[in-house]
N, C-alpha and C. Protein backbone atom coordinates (compact mmCIF):
# COMPACT_ATOMS: atom_id res chain seq x y z
N UNK A 1 24.09 2.08 -25.26
CA UNK A 1 24.36 3.45 -24.81
C UNK A 1 24.46 3.43 -23.29
N UNK A 2 25.48 4.04 -22.77
CA UNK A 2 25.70 4.10 -21.33
C UNK A 2 25.22 5.41 -20.73
N UNK A 3 25.33 5.50 -19.42
CA UNK A 3 24.89 6.70 -18.71
C UNK A 3 25.69 7.91 -19.16
N UNK A 4 26.98 7.74 -19.35
CA UNK A 4 27.80 8.88 -19.78
C UNK A 4 27.35 9.39 -21.15
N UNK A 5 26.97 8.46 -22.04
CA UNK A 5 26.48 8.86 -23.36
C UNK A 5 25.17 9.64 -23.22
N UNK A 6 24.31 9.16 -22.35
CA UNK A 6 23.04 9.85 -22.13
C UNK A 6 23.27 11.24 -21.54
N UNK A 7 24.16 11.32 -20.56
CA UNK A 7 24.47 12.63 -19.95
C UNK A 7 24.96 13.60 -21.00
N UNK A 8 25.84 13.13 -21.87
CA UNK A 8 26.37 13.99 -22.91
C UNK A 8 25.27 14.42 -23.87
N UNK A 9 24.43 13.48 -24.28
CA UNK A 9 23.35 13.82 -25.21
C UNK A 9 22.39 14.83 -24.59
N UNK A 10 22.02 14.63 -23.34
CA UNK A 10 21.08 15.53 -22.67
C UNK A 10 21.70 16.91 -22.51
N UNK A 11 22.98 16.96 -22.22
CA UNK A 11 23.63 18.27 -22.02
C UNK A 11 23.70 19.09 -23.31
N UNK A 12 23.51 18.45 -24.43
CA UNK A 12 23.57 19.16 -25.71
C UNK A 12 22.20 19.50 -26.27
N UNK A 13 21.14 19.22 -25.54
CA UNK A 13 19.79 19.54 -26.01
C UNK A 13 19.54 21.05 -25.91
N UNK A 14 18.73 21.54 -26.83
CA UNK A 14 18.30 22.94 -26.73
C UNK A 14 17.33 23.04 -25.56
N UNK A 15 17.00 24.26 -25.18
CA UNK A 15 16.07 24.47 -24.06
C UNK A 15 14.72 23.82 -24.36
N UNK A 16 14.24 23.95 -25.58
CA UNK A 16 12.95 23.37 -25.96
C UNK A 16 13.03 21.84 -25.93
N UNK A 17 14.11 21.30 -26.50
CA UNK A 17 14.28 19.84 -26.50
C UNK A 17 14.42 19.31 -25.07
N UNK A 18 15.15 20.04 -24.23
CA UNK A 18 15.33 19.61 -22.85
C UNK A 18 14.01 19.60 -22.10
N UNK A 19 13.17 20.62 -22.32
CA UNK A 19 11.86 20.67 -21.66
C UNK A 19 11.02 19.48 -22.10
N UNK A 20 11.06 19.17 -23.37
CA UNK A 20 10.32 18.01 -23.89
C UNK A 20 10.85 16.71 -23.28
N UNK A 21 12.18 16.58 -23.22
CA UNK A 21 12.79 15.39 -22.62
C UNK A 21 12.43 15.28 -21.15
N UNK A 22 12.50 16.39 -20.41
CA UNK A 22 12.20 16.39 -18.99
C UNK A 22 10.77 15.94 -18.75
N UNK A 23 9.83 16.44 -19.55
CA UNK A 23 8.43 16.04 -19.42
C UNK A 23 8.29 14.54 -19.66
N UNK A 24 8.91 14.05 -20.72
CA UNK A 24 8.85 12.62 -21.02
C UNK A 24 9.46 11.80 -19.88
N UNK A 25 10.62 12.21 -19.38
CA UNK A 25 11.30 11.45 -18.34
C UNK A 25 10.51 11.43 -17.04
N UNK A 26 9.89 12.55 -16.68
CA UNK A 26 9.09 12.59 -15.47
C UNK A 26 7.91 11.62 -15.57
N UNK A 27 7.28 11.57 -16.73
CA UNK A 27 6.18 10.62 -16.94
C UNK A 27 6.71 9.18 -16.91
N UNK A 28 7.83 8.94 -17.54
CA UNK A 28 8.45 7.61 -17.57
C UNK A 28 8.80 7.16 -16.15
N UNK A 29 9.43 8.03 -15.39
CA UNK A 29 9.83 7.69 -14.02
C UNK A 29 8.59 7.45 -13.15
N UNK A 30 7.56 8.24 -13.34
CA UNK A 30 6.32 8.04 -12.58
C UNK A 30 5.68 6.70 -12.90
N UNK A 31 5.67 6.34 -14.16
CA UNK A 31 5.13 5.04 -14.56
C UNK A 31 5.94 3.90 -13.96
N UNK A 32 7.26 4.03 -13.96
CA UNK A 32 8.12 3.01 -13.37
C UNK A 32 7.82 2.87 -11.88
N UNK A 33 7.66 3.99 -11.18
CA UNK A 33 7.36 3.99 -9.76
C UNK A 33 6.02 3.30 -9.49
N UNK A 34 5.02 3.62 -10.32
CA UNK A 34 3.71 3.00 -10.17
C UNK A 34 3.80 1.48 -10.32
N UNK A 35 4.54 1.02 -11.32
CA UNK A 35 4.70 -0.43 -11.52
C UNK A 35 5.42 -1.08 -10.33
N UNK A 36 6.41 -0.39 -9.78
CA UNK A 36 7.13 -0.93 -8.63
C UNK A 36 6.22 -1.04 -7.41
N UNK A 37 5.43 0.00 -7.17
CA UNK A 37 4.50 -0.01 -6.04
C UNK A 37 3.46 -1.12 -6.22
N UNK A 38 2.92 -1.24 -7.44
CA UNK A 38 1.93 -2.29 -7.70
C UNK A 38 2.53 -3.67 -7.45
N UNK A 39 3.77 -3.86 -7.88
CA UNK A 39 4.46 -5.13 -7.66
C UNK A 39 4.64 -5.39 -6.17
N UNK A 40 5.03 -4.37 -5.43
CA UNK A 40 5.22 -4.52 -3.98
C UNK A 40 3.90 -4.85 -3.28
N UNK A 41 2.81 -4.22 -3.71
CA UNK A 41 1.50 -4.50 -3.13
C UNK A 41 1.11 -5.94 -3.40
N UNK A 42 1.24 -6.35 -4.67
CA UNK A 42 0.88 -7.72 -5.05
C UNK A 42 1.70 -8.74 -4.29
N UNK A 43 2.96 -8.44 -4.05
CA UNK A 43 3.85 -9.36 -3.35
C UNK A 43 3.63 -9.34 -1.83
N UNK A 44 2.78 -8.42 -1.35
CA UNK A 44 2.49 -8.37 0.08
C UNK A 44 3.52 -7.63 0.91
N UNK A 45 4.37 -6.84 0.26
CA UNK A 45 5.44 -6.16 1.00
C UNK A 45 4.94 -5.06 1.94
N UNK A 46 3.68 -4.62 1.76
CA UNK A 46 3.13 -3.57 2.63
C UNK A 46 2.13 -4.12 3.64
N UNK A 47 1.92 -5.42 3.62
CA UNK A 47 0.91 -6.01 4.50
C UNK A 47 1.20 -5.72 5.98
N UNK A 48 2.42 -5.92 6.41
CA UNK A 48 2.77 -5.71 7.82
C UNK A 48 2.61 -4.24 8.20
N UNK A 49 3.03 -3.34 7.32
CA UNK A 49 2.90 -1.91 7.61
C UNK A 49 1.43 -1.50 7.66
N UNK A 50 0.62 -2.05 6.77
CA UNK A 50 -0.81 -1.75 6.78
C UNK A 50 -1.48 -2.26 8.05
N UNK A 51 -1.10 -3.47 8.44
CA UNK A 51 -1.65 -4.04 9.68
C UNK A 51 -1.27 -3.19 10.88
N UNK A 52 -0.01 -2.74 10.93
CA UNK A 52 0.44 -1.90 12.04
C UNK A 52 -0.30 -0.57 12.04
N UNK A 53 -0.51 0.00 10.87
CA UNK A 53 -1.24 1.26 10.78
C UNK A 53 -2.67 1.09 11.28
N UNK A 54 -3.31 0.00 10.89
CA UNK A 54 -4.67 -0.26 11.37
C UNK A 54 -4.69 -0.39 12.89
N UNK A 55 -3.73 -1.12 13.43
CA UNK A 55 -3.66 -1.29 14.89
C UNK A 55 -3.43 0.05 15.59
N UNK A 56 -2.54 0.86 15.05
CA UNK A 56 -2.28 2.17 15.64
C UNK A 56 -3.53 3.05 15.60
N UNK A 57 -4.24 3.00 14.48
CA UNK A 57 -5.47 3.79 14.36
C UNK A 57 -6.50 3.33 15.37
N UNK A 58 -6.72 2.04 15.45
CA UNK A 58 -7.71 1.50 16.39
C UNK A 58 -7.33 1.81 17.84
N UNK A 59 -6.04 1.89 18.13
CA UNK A 59 -5.58 2.18 19.49
C UNK A 59 -5.53 3.67 19.78
N UNK A 60 -5.89 4.51 18.80
CA UNK A 60 -5.89 5.94 19.01
C UNK A 60 -4.52 6.58 18.95
N UNK A 61 -3.58 5.92 18.31
CA UNK A 61 -2.21 6.45 18.24
C UNK A 61 -1.97 7.24 16.93
N UNK A 62 -3.02 7.80 16.38
CA UNK A 62 -2.90 8.59 15.13
C UNK A 62 -3.38 10.00 15.38
N UNK A 63 -2.87 10.92 14.64
CA UNK A 63 -3.32 12.31 14.74
C UNK A 63 -3.81 12.77 13.37
N UNK A 64 -4.82 13.62 13.34
CA UNK A 64 -5.32 14.14 12.05
C UNK A 64 -4.24 14.94 11.34
N UNK A 65 -4.27 14.87 10.04
CA UNK A 65 -3.31 15.67 9.25
C UNK A 65 -3.78 17.08 9.11
């Protein structure tokens, strides 16, 4: 099934079915995002940014939110 098939199927859902699909998709997308972030953390992709943030904090270059 391709994207066009999915678009067509979703466009034909009733309001109730669409709400159910939207809830499922939001949870699915959130889970995918979590797995991607976890993978990036494990691979060390945020190490440099974390180190820079620590240095900025220690140097007083941060402001309270």
